[in-house]
PDB file of N, CA and C in Angstrom:
ATOM      1  N   MET A   1       5.329  11.472 -18.205  1.00  0.00           N
ATOM      2  CA  MET A   1       5.305  11.404 -16.228  1.00  0.00           C
ATOM      3  C   MET A   1       5.883  10.279 -15.994  1.00  0.00           C
ATOM      4  N   TRP A   2       6.329   9.306 -16.816  1.00  0.00           N
ATOM      5  CA  TRP A   2       6.638   8.407 -15.730  1.00  0.00           C
ATOM      6  C   TRP A   2       8.069   8.367 -15.224  1.00  0.00           C
ATOM      7  N   SER A   3       8.443   7.124 -13.821  1.00  0.00           N
ATOM      8  CA  SER A   3       9.294   7.163 -13.570  1.00  0.00           C
ATOM      9  C   SER A   3      10.064   6.311 -12.731  1.00  0.00           C
ATOM     10  N   VAL A   4       9.586   5.007 -13.843  1.00  0.00           N
ATOM     11  CA  VAL A   4      10.241   3.918 -14.120  1.00  0.00           C
ATOM     12  C   VAL A   4      10.149   3.400 -15.451  1.00  0.00           C
ATOM     13  N   ASP A   5      10.858   3.259 -15.955  1.00  0.00           N
ATOM     14  CA  ASP A   5      11.538   2.344 -17.768  1.00  0.00           C
ATOM     15  C   ASP A   5      11.573   1.102 -17.697  1.00  0.00           C
ATOM     16  N   THR A   6      10.568   0.285 -17.847  1.00  0.00           N
ATOM     17  CA  THR A   6      10.599  -1.537 -17.712  1.00  0.00           C
ATOM     18  C   THR A   6      11.416  -1.483 -19.567  1.00  0.00           C
ATOM     19  N   LEU A   7      11.906  -0.433 -20.120  1.00  0.00           N
ATOM     20  CA  LEU A   7      12.351  -0.702 -21.562  1.00  0.00           C
ATOM     21  C   LEU A   7      12.239  -1.963 -22.112  1.00  0.00           C
ATOM     22  N   ASP A   8      10.906  -2.462 -22.310  1.00  0.00           N
ATOM     23  CA  ASP A   8      10.211  -3.558 -22.551  1.00  0.00           C
ATOM     24  C   ASP A   8       9.473  -3.719 -23.805  1.00  0.00           C
ATOM     25  N   TRP A   9      10.578  -2.347 -25.057  1.00  0.00           N
ATOM     26  CA  TRP A   9      10.398  -1.944 -25.559  1.00  0.00           C
ATOM     27  C   TRP A   9      11.244  -2.891 -27.016  1.00  0.00           C
ATOM     28  N   MET A  10      11.917  -2.845 -26.142  1.00  0.00           N
ATOM     29  CA  MET A  10      13.536  -3.282 -26.787  1.00  0.00           C
ATOM     30  C   MET A  10      13.261  -5.364 -27.055  1.00  0.00           C
ATOM     31  N   ALA A  11      12.181  -5.810 -26.421  1.00  0.00           N
ATOM     32  CA  ALA A  11      12.228  -6.957 -26.388  1.00  0.00           C
ATOM     33  C   ALA A  11      11.206  -7.661 -27.532  1.00  0.00           C
ATOM     34  N   LYS A  12      11.006  -6.390 -28.582  1.00  0.00           N
ATOM     35  CA  LYS A  12      10.107  -6.840 -29.905  1.00  0.00           C
ATOM     36  C   LYS A  12       9.238  -7.590 -29.641  1.00  0.00           C
ATOM     37  N   ASP A  13       9.228  -8.780 -30.441  1.00  0.00           N
ATOM     38  CA  ASP A  13       8.557  -9.994 -30.100  1.00  0.00           C
ATOM     39  C   ASP A  13       8.552 -11.027 -29.358  1.00  0.00           C
ATOM     40  N   SER A  14       9.800 -11.180 -28.672  1.00  0.00           N
ATOM     41  CA  SER A  14      10.180 -12.078 -27.834  1.00  0.00           C
ATOM     42  C   SER A  14       9.236 -11.972 -26.351  1.00  0.00           C
ATOM     43  N   ASP A  15       9.371 -14.008 -26.191  1.00  0.00           N
ATOM     44  CA  ASP A  15       8.612 -13.660 -25.155  1.00  0.00           C
ATOM     45  C   ASP A  15       9.400 -14.970 -24.336  1.00  0.00           C
ATOM     46  N   SER A  16      10.455 -14.382 -24.653  1.00  0.00           N
ATOM     47  CA  SER A  16      12.009 -15.423 -24.004  1.00  0.00           C
ATOM     48  C   SER A  16      11.907 -15.248 -21.980  1.00  0.00           C
ATOM     49  N   SER A  17      12.306 -16.352 -21.543  1.00  0.00           N
ATOM     50  CA  SER A  17      12.293 -15.596 -19.954  1.00  0.00           C
ATOM     51  C   SER A  17      13.251 -14.266 -19.572  1.00  0.00           C
ATOM     52  N   TYR A  18      13.923 -14.394 -20.434  1.00  0.00           N
ATOM     53  CA  TYR A  18      15.342 -13.534 -20.434  1.00  0.00           C
ATOM     54  C   TYR A  18      14.659 -12.029 -20.426  1.00  0.00           C
ATOM     55  N   TRP A  19      13.883 -11.853 -21.326  1.00  0.00           N
ATOM     56  CA  TRP A  19      13.376 -10.169 -21.705  1.00  0.00           C
ATOM     57  C   TRP A  19      11.852 -10.447 -20.194  1.00  0.00           C
ATOM     58  N   VAL A  20      11.223 -11.491 -19.701  1.00  0.00           N
ATOM     59  CA  VAL A  20       9.955 -11.110 -18.863  1.00  0.00           C
ATOM     60  C   VAL A  20      10.580 -11.181 -17.532  1.00  0.00           C
ATOM     61  N   GLN A  21      12.044 -11.367 -17.392  1.00  0.00           N
ATOM     62  CA  GLN A  21      12.257 -11.497 -16.455  1.00  0.00           C
ATOM     63  C   GLN A  21      13.198 -10.190 -16.271  1.00  0.00           C
ATOM     64  N   ARG A  22      13.740  -9.850 -16.536  1.00  0.00           N
ATOM     65  CA  ARG A  22      14.590  -8.142 -17.224  1.00  0.00           C
ATOM     66  C   ARG A  22      13.425  -7.278 -16.775  1.00  0.00           C
ATOM     67  N   ILE A  23      12.353  -7.263 -17.634  1.00  0.00           N
ATOM     68  CA  ILE A  23      11.204  -6.065 -17.390  1.00  0.00           C
ATOM     69  C   ILE A  23      10.511  -6.139 -16.013  1.00  0.00           C
ATOM     70  N   ILE A  24      10.369  -7.184 -15.194  1.00  0.00           N
ATOM     71  CA  ILE A  24      10.403  -7.447 -13.810  1.00  0.00           C
ATOM     72  C   ILE A  24      10.820  -6.719 -13.091  1.00  0.00           C
ATOM     73  N   ARG A  25      11.956  -7.115 -13.195  1.00  0.00           N
ATOM     74  CA  ARG A  25      13.467  -6.556 -12.755  1.00  0.00           C
ATOM     75  C   ARG A  25      13.252  -5.280 -12.803  1.00  0.00           C
ATOM     76  N   LEU A  26      13.416  -4.656 -13.440  1.00  0.00           N
ATOM     77  CA  LEU A  26      13.264  -3.034 -14.117  1.00  0.00           C
ATOM     78  C   LEU A  26      12.191  -2.458 -13.579  1.00  0.00           C
ATOM     79  N   ALA A  27      10.534  -2.909 -13.528  1.00  0.00           N
ATOM     80  CA  ALA A  27       9.727  -2.479 -13.107  1.00  0.00           C
ATOM     81  C   ALA A  27       9.847  -2.207 -11.198  1.00  0.00           C
ATOM     82  N   GLU A  28      10.005  -3.184 -11.239  1.00  0.00           N
ATOM     83  CA  GLU A  28      10.249  -3.350  -9.512  1.00  0.00           C
ATOM     84  C   GLU A  28      11.663  -2.358  -8.969  1.00  0.00           C
ATOM     85  N   GLN A  29      12.489  -1.924  -9.499  1.00  0.00           N
ATOM     86  CA  GLN A  29      12.703  -0.606  -9.236  1.00  0.00           C
ATOM     87  C   GLN A  29      12.433   0.386  -8.790  1.00  0.00           C
ATOM     88  N   GLY A  30      11.257   0.716  -9.136  1.00  0.00           N
ATOM     89  CA  GLY A  30      10.315   1.924  -8.713  1.00  0.00           C
ATOM     90  C   GLY A  30       9.415   1.811  -6.921  1.00  0.00           C
ATOM     91  N   VAL A  31      10.000   0.672  -6.732  1.00  0.00           N
ATOM     92  CA  VAL A  31       9.407   0.054  -4.883  1.00  0.00           C
ATOM     93  C   VAL A  31      10.133   1.231  -4.421  1.00  0.00           C
ATOM     94  N   SER A  32      11.286   2.009  -4.217  1.00  0.00           N
ATOM     95  CA  SER A  32      11.590   2.685  -3.152  1.00  0.00           C
ATOM     96  C   SER A  32      10.660   4.279  -3.605  1.00  0.00           C
ATOM     97  N   GLN A  33      10.010   4.388  -4.663  1.00  0.00           N
ATOM     98  CA  GLN A  33       9.285   5.795  -4.434  1.00  0.00           C
ATOM     99  C   GLN A  33       7.661   5.681  -3.836  1.00  0.00           C
ATOM    100  N   ALA A  34       7.416   6.971  -3.922  1.00  0.00           N
ATOM    101  CA  ALA A  34       6.158   6.959  -3.133  1.00  0.00           C
ATOM    102  C   ALA A  34       5.128   7.009  -4.031  1.00  0.00           C
ATOM    103  N   HIS A  35       5.407   6.945  -5.223  1.00  0.00           N
ATOM    104  CA  HIS A  35       3.998   7.236  -6.267  1.00  0.00           C
ATOM    105  C   HIS A  35       5.026   6.356  -7.475  1.00  0.00           C
ATOM    106  N   PRO A  36       5.497   5.679  -7.888  1.00  0.00           N
ATOM    107  CA  PRO A  36       5.945   5.329  -9.365  1.00  0.00           C
ATOM    108  C   PRO A  36       4.800   5.223 -10.582  1.00  0.00           C
ATOM    109  N   ILE A  37       5.757   5.737 -11.295  1.00  0.00           N
ATOM    110  CA  ILE A  37       4.855   5.130 -12.734  1.00  0.00           C
ATOM    111  C   ILE A  37       5.567   4.722 -13.430  1.00  0.00           C
ATOM    112  N   VAL A  38       5.136   3.406 -14.330  1.00  0.00           N
ATOM    113  CA  VAL A  38       6.199   2.555 -14.795  1.00  0.00           C
ATOM    114  C   VAL A  38       4.633   2.124 -15.746  1.00  0.00           C
ATOM    115  N   LEU A  39       6.841   2.709 -16.736  1.00  0.00           N
ATOM    116  CA  LEU A  39       6.112   2.642 -18.518  1.00  0.00           C
ATOM    117  C   LEU A  39       6.481   1.856 -18.907  1.00  0.00           C
ATOM    118  N   MET A  40       5.450   0.786 -19.661  1.00  0.00           N
ATOM    119  CA  MET A  40       5.309  -0.214 -20.575  1.00  0.00           C
ATOM    120  C   MET A  40       4.902   0.230 -21.725  1.00  0.00           C
ATOM    121  N   HIS A  41       5.076  -1.132 -22.670  1.00  0.00           N
ATOM    122  CA  HIS A  41       4.497  -0.607 -23.820  1.00  0.00           C
ATOM    123  C   HIS A  41       3.588  -1.978 -24.126  1.00  0.00           C
ATOM    124  N   ASP A  42       2.585  -1.518 -25.245  1.00  0.00           N
ATOM    125  CA  ASP A  42       1.625  -3.142 -26.070  1.00  0.00           C
ATOM    126  C   ASP A  42       1.472  -2.429 -27.541  1.00  0.00           C
ATOM    127  N   GLY A  43       2.266  -3.022 -27.884  1.00  0.00           N
ATOM    128  CA  GLY A  43       2.415  -2.910 -29.853  1.00  0.00           C
ATOM    129  C   GLY A  43       0.966  -3.171 -30.499  1.00  0.00           C
ATOM    130  N   ARG A  44       0.550  -2.946 -31.103  1.00  0.00           N
ATOM    131  CA  ARG A  44      -1.028  -3.878 -31.716  1.00  0.00           C
ATOM    132  C   ARG A  44      -1.204  -4.762 -31.933  1.00  0.00           C
ATOM    133  N   GLU A  45       0.422  -5.849 -31.949  1.00  0.00           N
ATOM    134  CA  GLU A  45      -0.048  -7.017 -31.921  1.00  0.00           C
ATOM    135  C   GLU A  45       0.108  -7.506 -30.882  1.00  0.00           C
ATOM    136  N   GLY A  46       0.625  -6.612 -29.559  1.00  0.00           N
ATOM    137  CA  GLY A  46       0.475  -7.202 -28.567  1.00  0.00           C
ATOM    138  C   GLY A  46       2.153  -7.672 -28.150  1.00  0.00           C
ATOM    139  N   ASP A  47       3.096  -7.361 -26.921  1.00  0.00           N
ATOM    140  CA  ASP A  47       3.880  -7.761 -26.815  1.00  0.00           C
ATOM    141  C   ASP A  47       4.226  -8.861 -25.878  1.00  0.00           C
ATOM    142  N   PRO A  48       4.651  -9.950 -26.040  1.00  0.00           N
ATOM    143  CA  PRO A  48       4.503 -11.353 -25.537  1.00  0.00           C
ATOM    144  C   PRO A  48       5.116 -10.653 -24.661  1.00  0.00           C
ATOM    145  N   ALA A  49       6.234 -10.793 -23.890  1.00  0.00           N
ATOM    146  CA  ALA A  49       6.958 -10.505 -23.223  1.00  0.00           C
ATOM    147  C   ALA A  49       6.478  -9.605 -22.083  1.00  0.00           C
ATOM    148  N   THR A  50       5.867  -8.710 -22.278  1.00  0.00           N
ATOM    149  CA  THR A  50       5.235  -7.450 -21.482  1.00  0.00           C
ATOM    150  C   THR A  50       4.318  -7.925 -20.323  1.00  0.00           C
ATOM    151  N   VAL A  51       3.283  -8.806 -21.627  1.00  0.00           N
ATOM    152  CA  VAL A  51       2.027  -9.194 -21.403  1.00  0.00           C
ATOM    153  C   VAL A  51       2.097 -10.352 -20.317  1.00  0.00           C
ATOM    154  N   THR A  52       3.184 -11.298 -20.554  1.00  0.00           N
ATOM    155  CA  THR A  52       3.888 -12.166 -19.598  1.00  0.00           C
ATOM    156  C   THR A  52       4.088 -11.692 -18.066  1.00  0.00           C
ATOM    157  N   ALA A  53       5.217 -10.522 -18.464  1.00  0.00           N
ATOM    158  CA  ALA A  53       5.351  -9.941 -17.198  1.00  0.00           C
ATOM    159  C   ALA A  53       4.701  -9.521 -16.034  1.00  0.00           C
ATOM    160  N   LEU A  54       3.448  -8.830 -16.802  1.00  0.00           N
ATOM    161  CA  LEU A  54       2.535  -7.807 -16.069  1.00  0.00           C
ATOM    162  C   LEU A  54       2.266  -8.208 -14.992  1.00  0.00           C
ATOM    163  N   PRO A  55       1.540  -9.586 -14.840  1.00  0.00           N
ATOM    164  CA  PRO A  55       0.692 -10.052 -13.422  1.00  0.00           C
ATOM    165  C   PRO A  55       1.982 -10.342 -12.566  1.00  0.00           C
ATOM    166  N   ALA A  56       3.148 -10.147 -12.737  1.00  0.00           N
ATOM    167  CA  ALA A  56       4.364 -10.865 -11.462  1.00  0.00           C
ATOM    168  C   ALA A  56       4.252  -9.247 -11.032  1.00  0.00           C
ATOM    169  N   ILE A  57       4.282  -8.309 -11.748  1.00  0.00           N
ATOM    170  CA  ILE A  57       4.889  -6.695 -11.821  1.00  0.00           C
ATOM    171  C   ILE A  57       3.494  -6.255 -10.512  1.00  0.00           C
ATOM    172  N   ILE A  58       2.746  -6.361 -10.892  1.00  0.00           N
ATOM    173  CA  ILE A  58       1.016  -6.196 -10.306  1.00  0.00           C
ATOM    174  C   ILE A  58       0.899  -6.719  -8.616  1.00  0.00           C
ATOM    175  N   GLN A  59       1.266  -8.094  -9.005  1.00  0.00           N
ATOM    176  CA  GLN A  59       1.290  -9.271  -7.303  1.00  0.00           C
ATOM    177  C   GLN A  59       2.655  -8.158  -6.729  1.00  0.00           C
ATOM    178  N   PHE A  60       3.814  -8.003  -7.371  1.00  0.00           N
ATOM    179  CA  PHE A  60       4.843  -7.342  -6.394  1.00  0.00           C
ATOM    180  C   PHE A  60       4.171  -5.871  -5.975  1.00  0.00           C
ATOM    181  N   TYR A  61       4.404  -5.419  -6.751  1.00  0.00           N
ATOM    182  CA  TYR A  61       3.762  -3.826  -6.101  1.00  0.00           C
ATOM    183  C   TYR A  61       2.154  -3.514  -5.153  1.00  0.00           C
ATOM    184  N   ARG A  62       1.203  -4.943  -5.295  1.00  0.00           N
ATOM    185  CA  ARG A  62       0.162  -4.627  -4.576  1.00  0.00           C
ATOM    186  C   ARG A  62       1.227  -5.658  -3.125  1.00  0.00           C
ATOM    187  N   SER A  63       1.852  -6.519  -3.000  1.00  0.00           N
ATOM    188  CA  SER A  63       2.323  -7.366  -2.234  1.00  0.00           C
ATOM    189  C   SER A  63       3.375  -6.501  -0.816  1.00  0.00           C
ATOM    190  N   HIS A  64       3.162  -5.358  -2.090  1.00  0.00           N
ATOM    191  CA  HIS A  64       4.544  -3.770  -0.939  1.00  0.00           C
ATOM    192  C   HIS A  64       3.130  -2.813  -1.347  1.00  0.00           C
ATOM    193  N   GLY A  65       1.993  -2.708  -0.596  1.00  0.00           N
ATOM    194  CA  GLY A  65       1.005  -1.828  -0.272  1.00  0.00           C
ATOM    195  C   GLY A  65       0.601  -0.803  -1.569  1.00  0.00           C
ATOM    196  N   TYR A  66       1.256  -1.158  -2.606  1.00  0.00           N
ATOM    197  CA  TYR A  66       1.207  -0.017  -3.587  1.00  0.00           C
ATOM    198  C   TYR A  66      -0.308  -0.610  -4.116  1.00  0.00           C
ATOM    199  N   ARG A  67      -1.459   0.324  -4.580  1.00  0.00           N
ATOM    200  CA  ARG A  67      -2.523  -0.063  -5.280  1.00  0.00           C
ATOM    201  C   ARG A  67      -2.400   0.813  -6.296  1.00  0.00           C
ATOM    202  N   PHE A  68      -3.480   0.617  -7.565  1.00  0.00           N
ATOM    203  CA  PHE A  68      -3.259   1.225  -9.082  1.00  0.00           C
ATOM    204  C   PHE A  68      -4.601   2.173  -8.936  1.00  0.00           C
ATOM    205  N   VAL A  69      -4.309   3.274  -9.915  1.00  0.00           N
ATOM    206  CA  VAL A  69      -5.155   3.969  -9.504  1.00  0.00           C
ATOM    207  C   VAL A  69      -5.036   4.592 -11.160  1.00  0.00           C
ATOM    208  N   ALA A  70      -6.081   5.245 -12.330  1.00  0.00           N
ATOM    209  CA  ALA A  70      -6.322   6.003 -13.316  1.00  0.00           C
ATOM    210  C   ALA A  70      -5.620   7.093 -13.140  1.00  0.00           C
ATOM    211  N   LEU A  71      -4.821   7.486 -14.107  1.00  0.00           N
ATOM    212  CA  LEU A  71      -4.077   8.545 -13.779  1.00  0.00           C
ATOM    213  C   LEU A  71      -4.676   9.814 -15.205  1.00  0.00           C
TER     214      LEU A  71
END
């Protein structure tokens, strides 16, 4: 039931700035939606690009008035 796909799984184990910025850019596309559900992944070992991008994504949505809720 997600509405925004960050495609973060494509970064695999990378933590390069390219992947971090790409994940952030894709996540931010949900800002035009009233209730976006952003799809992100975190593998067993952790996905470095996803983990690195998450604080910026949270800050972006909070600065636009969104709240985070449990589904």
